[in-house]
Amino acid sequence: MSGSERIHNLYDQMLNRDAEPKGLEFYLERMEQYRQKWHDDHARDETGATVFALSKIALAIFEGAQRNDLDTLNRKIRRLSAVLEAF
């Protein structure tokens, strides 16, 4: 799966939409920066670099959500909370 596909997948799972072109470009650059940081911090080991990058991007998407995107996230969180309370 390409970096673009992975970022679109995060947007779809979190916000129920594709990334806008500028957001996609921004996060593709970030993905490479985070992967490089992982390599630098882990003796150039590839294992985990993509997961690390995607986790940082997911957090940034979550923290930056506004308006309709924030409403979408809040609905998902409320549904999840209701499911967890049922247990």
PDB file of N, CA and C in Angstrom:
ATOM      1  N   MET A   1       0.855  -1.176   0.000  1.00  0.00           N
ATOM      2  CA  MET A   1       0.000   0.000   0.000  1.00  0.00           C
ATOM      3  C   MET A   1       0.902   1.240   0.000  1.00  0.00           C
ATOM      4  N   SER A   2       0.566   2.187  -0.848  1.00  0.00           N
ATOM      5  CA  SER A   2       1.380   3.402  -0.953  1.00  0.00           C
ATOM      6  C   SER A   2       1.136   4.332   0.235  1.00  0.00           C
ATOM      7  N   GLY A   3       2.013   5.310   0.391  1.00  0.00           N
ATOM      8  CA  GLY A   3       1.843   6.311   1.438  1.00  0.00           C
ATOM      9  C   GLY A   3       0.536   7.068   1.267  1.00  0.00           C
ATOM     10  N   SER A   4       0.201   7.427   0.046  1.00  0.00           N
ATOM     11  CA  SER A   4      -1.062   8.130  -0.224  1.00  0.00           C
ATOM     12  C   SER A   4      -2.252   7.284   0.187  1.00  0.00           C
ATOM     13  N   GLU A   5      -2.224   6.017  -0.159  1.00  0.00           N
ATOM     14  CA  GLU A   5      -3.320   5.122   0.217  1.00  0.00           C
ATOM     15  C   GLU A   5      -3.438   5.001   1.732  1.00  0.00           C
ATOM     16  N   ARG A   6      -2.310   4.937   2.405  1.00  0.00           N
ATOM     17  CA  ARG A   6      -2.336   4.824   3.869  1.00  0.00           C
ATOM     18  C   ARG A   6      -2.932   6.078   4.511  1.00  0.00           C
ATOM     19  N   ILE A   7      -2.572   7.242   4.000  1.00  0.00           N
ATOM     20  CA  ILE A   7      -3.091   8.489   4.560  1.00  0.00           C
ATOM     21  C   ILE A   7      -4.582   8.630   4.240  1.00  0.00           C
ATOM     22  N   HIS A   8      -4.984   8.312   3.017  1.00  0.00           N
ATOM     23  CA  HIS A   8      -6.411   8.333   2.687  1.00  0.00           C
ATOM     24  C   HIS A   8      -7.175   7.359   3.589  1.00  0.00           C
ATOM     25  N   ASN A   9      -6.575   6.217   3.879  1.00  0.00           N
ATOM     26  CA  ASN A   9      -7.199   5.233   4.755  1.00  0.00           C
ATOM     27  C   ASN A   9      -7.408   5.796   6.163  1.00  0.00           C
ATOM     28  N   LEU A  10      -6.403   6.495   6.693  1.00  0.00           N
ATOM     29  CA  LEU A  10      -6.562   7.137   8.008  1.00  0.00           C
ATOM     30  C   LEU A  10      -7.698   8.146   7.982  1.00  0.00           C
ATOM     31  N   TYR A  11      -7.722   8.995   6.969  1.00  0.00           N
ATOM     32  CA  TYR A  11      -8.790   9.990   6.855  1.00  0.00           C
ATOM     33  C   TYR A  11     -10.154   9.297   6.782  1.00  0.00           C
ATOM     34  N   ASP A  12     -10.241   8.232   5.988  1.00  0.00           N
ATOM     35  CA  ASP A  12     -11.509   7.533   5.841  1.00  0.00           C
ATOM     36  C   ASP A  12     -11.950   6.920   7.172  1.00  0.00           C
ATOM     37  N   GLN A  13     -11.054   6.259   7.862  1.00  0.00           N
ATOM     38  CA  GLN A  13     -11.389   5.629   9.136  1.00  0.00           C
ATOM     39  C   GLN A  13     -11.745   6.656  10.202  1.00  0.00           C
ATOM     40  N   MET A  14     -11.054   7.770  10.197  1.00  0.00           N
ATOM     41  CA  MET A  14     -11.258   8.758  11.254  1.00  0.00           C
ATOM     42  C   MET A  14     -12.350   9.774  10.917  1.00  0.00           C
ATOM     43  N   LEU A  15     -12.382  10.240   9.654  1.00  0.00           N
ATOM     44  CA  LEU A  15     -13.221  11.381   9.291  1.00  0.00           C
ATOM     45  C   LEU A  15     -14.275  11.050   8.233  1.00  0.00           C
ATOM     46  N   ASN A  16     -14.288   9.806   7.775  1.00  0.00           N
ATOM     47  CA  ASN A  16     -15.236   9.363   6.748  1.00  0.00           C
ATOM     48  C   ASN A  16     -15.079  10.137   5.439  1.00  0.00           C
ATOM     49  N   ARG A  17     -13.856  10.466   5.088  1.00  0.00           N
ATOM     50  CA  ARG A  17     -13.601  11.170   3.824  1.00  0.00           C
ATOM     51  C   ARG A  17     -12.145  10.979   3.418  1.00  0.00           C
ATOM     52  N   ASP A  18     -11.857  11.322   2.164  1.00  0.00           N
ATOM     53  CA  ASP A  18     -10.467  11.319   1.703  1.00  0.00           C
ATOM     54  C   ASP A  18      -9.751  12.568   2.196  1.00  0.00           C
ATOM     55  N   ALA A  19      -8.452  12.486   2.216  1.00  0.00           N
ATOM     56  CA  ALA A  19      -7.635  13.668   2.535  1.00  0.00           C
ATOM     57  C   ALA A  19      -7.755  14.665   1.390  1.00  0.00           C
ATOM     58  N   GLU A  20      -7.801  15.945   1.735  1.00  0.00           N
ATOM     59  CA  GLU A  20      -7.784  16.974   0.702  1.00  0.00           C
ATOM     60  C   GLU A  20      -6.358  17.030   0.135  1.00  0.00           C
ATOM     61  N   PRO A  21      -6.192  17.517  -1.100  1.00  0.00           N
ATOM     62  CA  PRO A  21      -4.864  17.477  -1.737  1.00  0.00           C
ATOM     63  C   PRO A  21      -3.746  18.104  -0.898  1.00  0.00           C
ATOM     64  N   LYS A  22      -3.976  19.267  -0.314  1.00  0.00           N
ATOM     65  CA  LYS A  22      -2.914  19.900   0.482  1.00  0.00           C
ATOM     66  C   LYS A  22      -2.614  19.109   1.747  1.00  0.00           C
ATOM     67  N   GLY A  23      -3.653  18.542   2.367  1.00  0.00           N
ATOM     68  CA  GLY A  23      -3.444  17.710   3.548  1.00  0.00           C
ATOM     69  C   GLY A  23      -2.670  16.456   3.206  1.00  0.00           C
ATOM     70  N   LEU A  24      -3.011  15.858   2.078  1.00  0.00           N
ATOM     71  CA  LEU A  24      -2.297  14.663   1.638  1.00  0.00           C
ATOM     72  C   LEU A  24      -0.830  14.977   1.407  1.00  0.00           C
ATOM     73  N   GLU A  25      -0.556  16.045   0.706  1.00  0.00           N
ATOM     74  CA  GLU A  25       0.828  16.447   0.441  1.00  0.00           C
ATOM     75  C   GLU A  25       1.581  16.707   1.756  1.00  0.00           C
ATOM     76  N   PHE A  26       0.938  17.417   2.667  1.00  0.00           N
ATOM     77  CA  PHE A  26       1.546  17.728   3.963  1.00  0.00           C
ATOM     78  C   PHE A  26       1.897  16.442   4.719  1.00  0.00           C
ATOM     79  N   TYR A  27       0.933  15.520   4.796  1.00  0.00           N
ATOM     80  CA  TYR A  27       1.176  14.300   5.573  1.00  0.00           C
ATOM     81  C   TYR A  27       2.112  13.324   4.869  1.00  0.00           C
ATOM     82  N   LEU A  28       2.190  13.356   3.548  1.00  0.00           N
ATOM     83  CA  LEU A  28       3.199  12.540   2.861  1.00  0.00           C
ATOM     84  C   LEU A  28       4.604  13.018   3.225  1.00  0.00           C
ATOM     85  N   GLU A  29       4.778  14.325   3.274  1.00  0.00           N
ATOM     86  CA  GLU A  29       6.079  14.867   3.707  1.00  0.00           C
ATOM     87  C   GLU A  29       6.357  14.491   5.150  1.00  0.00           C
ATOM     88  N   ARG A  30       5.336  14.619   5.998  1.00  0.00           N
ATOM     89  CA  ARG A  30       5.498  14.257   7.402  1.00  0.00           C
ATOM     90  C   ARG A  30       5.847  12.777   7.557  1.00  0.00           C
ATOM     91  N   MET A  31       5.197  11.943   6.740  1.00  0.00           N
ATOM     92  CA  MET A  31       5.460  10.508   6.827  1.00  0.00           C
ATOM     93  C   MET A  31       6.936  10.228   6.602  1.00  0.00           C
ATOM     94  N   GLU A  32       7.529  10.857   5.605  1.00  0.00           N
ATOM     95  CA  GLU A  32       8.949  10.652   5.346  1.00  0.00           C
ATOM     96  C   GLU A  32       9.803  11.189   6.495  1.00  0.00           C
ATOM     97  N   GLN A  33       9.435  12.319   7.061  1.00  0.00           N
ATOM     98  CA  GLN A  33      10.168  12.875   8.204  1.00  0.00           C
ATOM     99  C   GLN A  33      10.093  11.939   9.409  1.00  0.00           C
ATOM    100  N   TYR A  34       8.910  11.429   9.699  1.00  0.00           N
ATOM    101  CA  TYR A  34       8.753  10.508  10.844  1.00  0.00           C
ATOM    102  C   TYR A  34       9.484   9.202  10.597  1.00  0.00           C
ATOM    103  N   ARG A  35       9.431   8.697   9.364  1.00  0.00           N
ATOM    104  CA  ARG A  35      10.163   7.468   9.057  1.00  0.00           C
ATOM    105  C   ARG A  35      11.670   7.690   9.219  1.00  0.00           C
ATOM    106  N   GLN A  36      12.155   8.856   8.784  1.00  0.00           N
ATOM    107  CA  GLN A  36      13.578   9.169   8.942  1.00  0.00           C
ATOM    108  C   GLN A  36      13.955   9.255  10.414  1.00  0.00           C
ATOM    109  N   LYS A  37      13.095   9.875  11.213  1.00  0.00           N
ATOM    110  CA  LYS A  37      13.349   9.964  12.656  1.00  0.00           C
ATOM    111  C   LYS A  37      13.437   8.560  13.256  1.00  0.00           C
ATOM    112  N   TRP A  38      12.511   7.684  12.851  1.00  0.00           N
ATOM    113  CA  TRP A  38      12.541   6.308  13.351  1.00  0.00           C
ATOM    114  C   TRP A  38      13.872   5.647  12.983  1.00  0.00           C
ATOM    115  N   HIS A  39      14.276   5.795  11.723  1.00  0.00           N
ATOM    116  CA  HIS A  39      15.544   5.190  11.286  1.00  0.00           C
ATOM    117  C   HIS A  39      16.718   5.731  12.094  1.00  0.00           C
ATOM    118  N   ASP A  40      16.739   7.045  12.303  1.00  0.00           N
ATOM    119  CA  ASP A  40      17.836   7.661  13.049  1.00  0.00           C
ATOM    120  C   ASP A  40      17.879   7.169  14.500  1.00  0.00           C
ATOM    121  N   ASP A  41      16.694   6.969  15.075  1.00  0.00           N
ATOM    122  CA  ASP A  41      16.614   6.561  16.484  1.00  0.00           C
ATOM    123  C   ASP A  41      16.744   5.059  16.697  1.00  0.00           C
ATOM    124  N   HIS A  42      16.664   4.264  15.622  1.00  0.00           N
ATOM    125  CA  HIS A  42      16.667   2.805  15.749  1.00  0.00           C
ATOM    126  C   HIS A  42      17.707   2.155  14.837  1.00  0.00           C
ATOM    127  N   ALA A  43      18.866   2.754  14.786  1.00  0.00           N
ATOM    128  CA  ALA A  43      20.006   2.181  14.057  1.00  0.00           C
ATOM    129  C   ALA A  43      19.632   1.750  12.639  1.00  0.00           C
ATOM    130  N   ARG A  44      18.846   2.619  11.959  1.00  0.00           N
ATOM    131  CA  ARG A  44      18.443   2.409  10.562  1.00  0.00           C
ATOM    132  C   ARG A  44      17.539   1.190  10.375  1.00  0.00           C
ATOM    133  N   ASP A  45      16.992   0.649  11.461  1.00  0.00           N
ATOM    134  CA  ASP A  45      16.086  -0.496  11.369  1.00  0.00           C
ATOM    135  C   ASP A  45      14.753  -0.052  10.784  1.00  0.00           C
ATOM    136  N   GLU A  46      14.285  -0.756   9.760  1.00  0.00           N
ATOM    137  CA  GLU A  46      13.026  -0.424   9.078  1.00  0.00           C
ATOM    138  C   GLU A  46      11.799  -0.853   9.882  1.00  0.00           C
ATOM    139  N   THR A  47      11.951  -1.896  10.683  1.00  0.00           N
ATOM    140  CA  THR A  47      10.825  -2.466  11.406  1.00  0.00           C
ATOM    141  C   THR A  47      10.177  -1.424  12.317  1.00  0.00           C
ATOM    142  N   GLY A  48       8.932  -1.125  12.034  1.00  0.00           N
ATOM    143  CA  GLY A  48       8.185  -0.190  12.864  1.00  0.00           C
ATOM    144  C   GLY A  48       8.138   1.233  12.353  1.00  0.00           C
ATOM    145  N   ALA A  49       8.921   1.569  11.334  1.00  0.00           N
ATOM    146  CA  ALA A  49       9.004   2.954  10.871  1.00  0.00           C
ATOM    147  C   ALA A  49       7.667   3.462  10.328  1.00  0.00           C
ATOM    148  N   THR A  50       6.999   2.643   9.533  1.00  0.00           N
ATOM    149  CA  THR A  50       5.727   3.075   8.954  1.00  0.00           C
ATOM    150  C   THR A  50       4.648   3.164  10.017  1.00  0.00           C
ATOM    151  N   VAL A  51       4.599   2.208  10.916  1.00  0.00           N
ATOM    152  CA  VAL A  51       3.613   2.245  12.006  1.00  0.00           C
ATOM    153  C   VAL A  51       3.837   3.472  12.871  1.00  0.00           C
ATOM    154  N   PHE A  52       5.080   3.768  13.178  1.00  0.00           N
ATOM    155  CA  PHE A  52       5.406   4.965  13.952  1.00  0.00           C
ATOM    156  C   PHE A  52       4.911   6.217  13.235  1.00  0.00           C
ATOM    157  N   ALA A  53       5.213   6.325  11.947  1.00  0.00           N
ATOM    158  CA  ALA A  53       4.812   7.499  11.173  1.00  0.00           C
ATOM    159  C   ALA A  53       3.294   7.639  11.128  1.00  0.00           C
ATOM    160  N   LEU A  54       2.594   6.547  10.873  1.00  0.00           N
ATOM    161  CA  LEU A  54       1.137   6.606  10.789  1.00  0.00           C
ATOM    162  C   LEU A  54       0.495   6.929  12.127  1.00  0.00           C
ATOM    163  N   SER A  55       1.085   6.454  13.204  1.00  0.00           N
ATOM    164  CA  SER A  55       0.517   6.775  14.521  1.00  0.00           C
ATOM    165  C   SER A  55       0.667   8.264  14.822  1.00  0.00           C
ATOM    166  N   LYS A  56       1.797   8.845  14.446  1.00  0.00           N
ATOM    167  CA  LYS A  56       1.997  10.289  14.638  1.00  0.00           C
ATOM    168  C   LYS A  56       1.030  11.087  13.763  1.00  0.00           C
ATOM    169  N   ILE A  57       0.809  10.641  12.534  1.00  0.00           N
ATOM    170  CA  ILE A  57      -0.104  11.328  11.624  1.00  0.00           C
ATOM    171  C   ILE A  57      -1.538  11.208  12.126  1.00  0.00           C
ATOM    172  N   ALA A  58      -1.934  10.034  12.593  1.00  0.00           N
ATOM    173  CA  ALA A  58      -3.297   9.855  13.123  1.00  0.00           C
ATOM    174  C   ALA A  58      -3.543  10.796  14.301  1.00  0.00           C
ATOM    175  N   LEU A  59      -2.573  10.919  15.178  1.00  0.00           N
ATOM    176  CA  LEU A  59      -2.717  11.830  16.315  1.00  0.00           C
ATOM    177  C   LEU A  59      -2.844  13.274  15.835  1.00  0.00           C
ATOM    178  N   ALA A  60      -2.062  13.660  14.852  1.00  0.00           N
ATOM    179  CA  ALA A  60      -2.126  15.022  14.320  1.00  0.00           C
ATOM    180  C   ALA A  60      -3.488  15.293  13.657  1.00  0.00           C
ATOM    181  N   ILE A  61      -4.017  14.321  12.935  1.00  0.00           N
ATOM    182  CA  ILE A  61      -5.335  14.473  12.330  1.00  0.00           C
ATOM    183  C   ILE A  61      -6.384  14.644  13.425  1.00  0.00           C
ATOM    184  N   PHE A  62      -6.306  13.824  14.445  1.00  0.00           N
ATOM    185  CA  PHE A  62      -7.243  13.892  15.564  1.00  0.00           C
ATOM    186  C   PHE A  62      -7.179  15.258  16.246  1.00  0.00           C
ATOM    187  N   GLU A  63      -5.970  15.700  16.551  1.00  0.00           N
ATOM    188  CA  GLU A  63      -5.805  16.977  17.258  1.00  0.00           C
ATOM    189  C   GLU A  63      -6.191  18.181  16.397  1.00  0.00           C
ATOM    190  N   GLY A  64      -6.096  18.053  15.084  1.00  0.00           N
ATOM    191  CA  GLY A  64      -6.379  19.173  14.202  1.00  0.00           C
ATOM    192  C   GLY A  64      -7.803  19.205  13.662  1.00  0.00           C
ATOM    193  N   ALA A  65      -8.632  18.242  14.057  1.00  0.00           N
ATOM    194  CA  ALA A  65      -9.994  18.173  13.527  1.00  0.00           C
ATOM    195  C   ALA A  65     -10.794  19.410  13.917  1.00  0.00           C
ATOM    196  N   GLN A  66     -11.539  19.938  12.950  1.00  0.00           N
ATOM    197  CA  GLN A  66     -12.381  21.115  13.156  1.00  0.00           C
ATOM    198  C   GLN A  66     -13.723  20.904  12.465  1.00  0.00           C
ATOM    199  N   ARG A  67     -14.697  21.670  12.877  1.00  0.00           N
ATOM    200  CA  ARG A  67     -16.019  21.721  12.258  1.00  0.00           C
ATOM    201  C   ARG A  67     -16.583  20.325  11.988  1.00  0.00           C
ATOM    202  N   ASN A  68     -16.917  20.026  10.739  1.00  0.00           N
ATOM    203  CA  ASN A  68     -17.548  18.741  10.405  1.00  0.00           C
ATOM    204  C   ASN A  68     -16.671  17.551  10.789  1.00  0.00           C
ATOM    205  N   ASP A  69     -15.368  17.700  10.620  1.00  0.00           N
ATOM    206  CA  ASP A  69     -14.462  16.611  10.995  1.00  0.00           C
ATOM    207  C   ASP A  69     -14.508  16.361  12.497  1.00  0.00           C
ATOM    208  N   LEU A  70     -14.565  17.415  13.275  1.00  0.00           N
ATOM    209  CA  LEU A  70     -14.653  17.270  14.730  1.00  0.00           C
ATOM    210  C   LEU A  70     -15.981  16.624  15.111  1.00  0.00           C
ATOM    211  N   ASP A  71     -17.058  17.018  14.445  1.00  0.00           N
ATOM    212  CA  ASP A  71     -18.365  16.389  14.690  1.00  0.00           C
ATOM    213  C   ASP A  71     -18.314  14.893  14.387  1.00  0.00           C
ATOM    214  N   THR A  72     -17.674  14.531  13.286  1.00  0.00           N
ATOM    215  CA  THR A  72     -17.548  13.118  12.913  1.00  0.00           C
ATOM    216  C   THR A  72     -16.782  12.349  13.972  1.00  0.00           C
ATOM    217  N   LEU A  73     -15.658  12.891  14.413  1.00  0.00           N
ATOM    218  CA  LEU A  73     -14.869  12.217  15.453  1.00  0.00           C
ATOM    219  C   LEU A  73     -15.665  12.085  16.745  1.00  0.00           C
ATOM    220  N   ASN A  74     -16.357  13.137  17.135  1.00  0.00           N
ATOM    221  CA  ASN A  74     -17.140  13.086  18.371  1.00  0.00           C
ATOM    222  C   ASN A  74     -18.241  12.037  18.297  1.00  0.00           C
ATOM    223  N   ARG A  75     -18.903  11.908  17.145  1.00  0.00           N
ATOM    224  CA  ARG A  75     -19.920  10.863  16.972  1.00  0.00           C
ATOM    225  C   ARG A  75     -19.299   9.479  17.115  1.00  0.00           C
ATOM    226  N   LYS A  76     -18.146   9.285  16.529  1.00  0.00           N
ATOM    227  CA  LYS A  76     -17.475   7.985  16.631  1.00  0.00           C
ATOM    228  C   LYS A  76     -17.083   7.685  18.076  1.00  0.00           C
ATOM    229  N   ILE A  77     -16.599   8.682  18.777  1.00  0.00           N
ATOM    230  CA  ILE A  77     -16.198   8.494  20.176  1.00  0.00           C
ATOM    231  C   ILE A  77     -17.419   8.180  21.039  1.00  0.00           C
ATOM    232  N   ARG A  78     -18.540   8.876  20.798  1.00  0.00           N
ATOM    233  CA  ARG A  78     -19.763   8.595  21.572  1.00  0.00           C
ATOM    234  C   ARG A  78     -20.264   7.176  21.313  1.00  0.00           C
ATOM    235  N   ARG A  79     -20.227   6.743  20.042  1.00  0.00           N
ATOM    236  CA  ARG A  79     -20.662   5.373  19.733  1.00  0.00           C
ATOM    237  C   ARG A  79     -19.759   4.359  20.409  1.00  0.00           C
ATOM    238  N   LEU A  80     -18.482   4.577  20.364  1.00  0.00           N
ATOM    239  CA  LEU A  80     -17.545   3.659  20.997  1.00  0.00           C
ATOM    240  C   LEU A  80     -17.763   3.641  22.507  1.00  0.00           C
ATOM    241  N   SER A  81     -17.975   4.799  23.101  1.00  0.00           N
ATOM    242  CA  SER A  81     -18.228   4.865  24.549  1.00  0.00           C
ATOM    243  C   SER A  81     -19.477   4.073  24.919  1.00  0.00           C
ATOM    244  N   ALA A  82     -20.525   4.190  24.104  1.00  0.00           N
ATOM    245  CA  ALA A  82     -21.755   3.450  24.371  1.00  0.00           C
ATOM    246  C   ALA A  82     -21.528   1.949  24.288  1.00  0.00           C
ATOM    247  N   VAL A  83     -20.756   1.522  23.309  1.00  0.00           N
ATOM    248  CA  VAL A  83     -20.451   0.092  23.170  1.00  0.00           C
ATOM    249  C   VAL A  83     -19.651  -0.373  24.377  1.00  0.00           C
ATOM    250  N   LEU A  84     -18.658   0.391  24.793  1.00  0.00           N
ATOM    251  CA  LEU A  84     -17.832  -0.022  25.931  1.00  0.00           C
ATOM    252  C   LEU A  84     -18.622  -0.031  27.233  1.00  0.00           C
ATOM    253  N   GLU A  85     -19.553   0.896  27.374  1.00  0.00           N
ATOM    254  CA  GLU A  85     -20.389   0.902  28.590  1.00  0.00           C
ATOM    255  C   GLU A  85     -21.290  -0.316  28.658  1.00  0.00           C
ATOM    256  N   ALA A  86     -21.633  -0.883  27.515  1.00  0.00           N
ATOM    257  CA  ALA A  86     -22.497  -2.065  27.484  1.00  0.00           C
ATOM    258  C   ALA A  86     -21.787  -3.295  28.036  1.00  0.00           C
ATOM    259  N   PHE A  87     -20.487  -3.268  28.073  1.00  0.00           N
ATOM    260  CA  PHE A  87     -19.728  -4.390  28.616  1.00  0.00           C
ATOM    261  C   PHE A  87     -19.620  -4.228  30.066  1.00  0.00           C
TER     262      PHE A  87
END
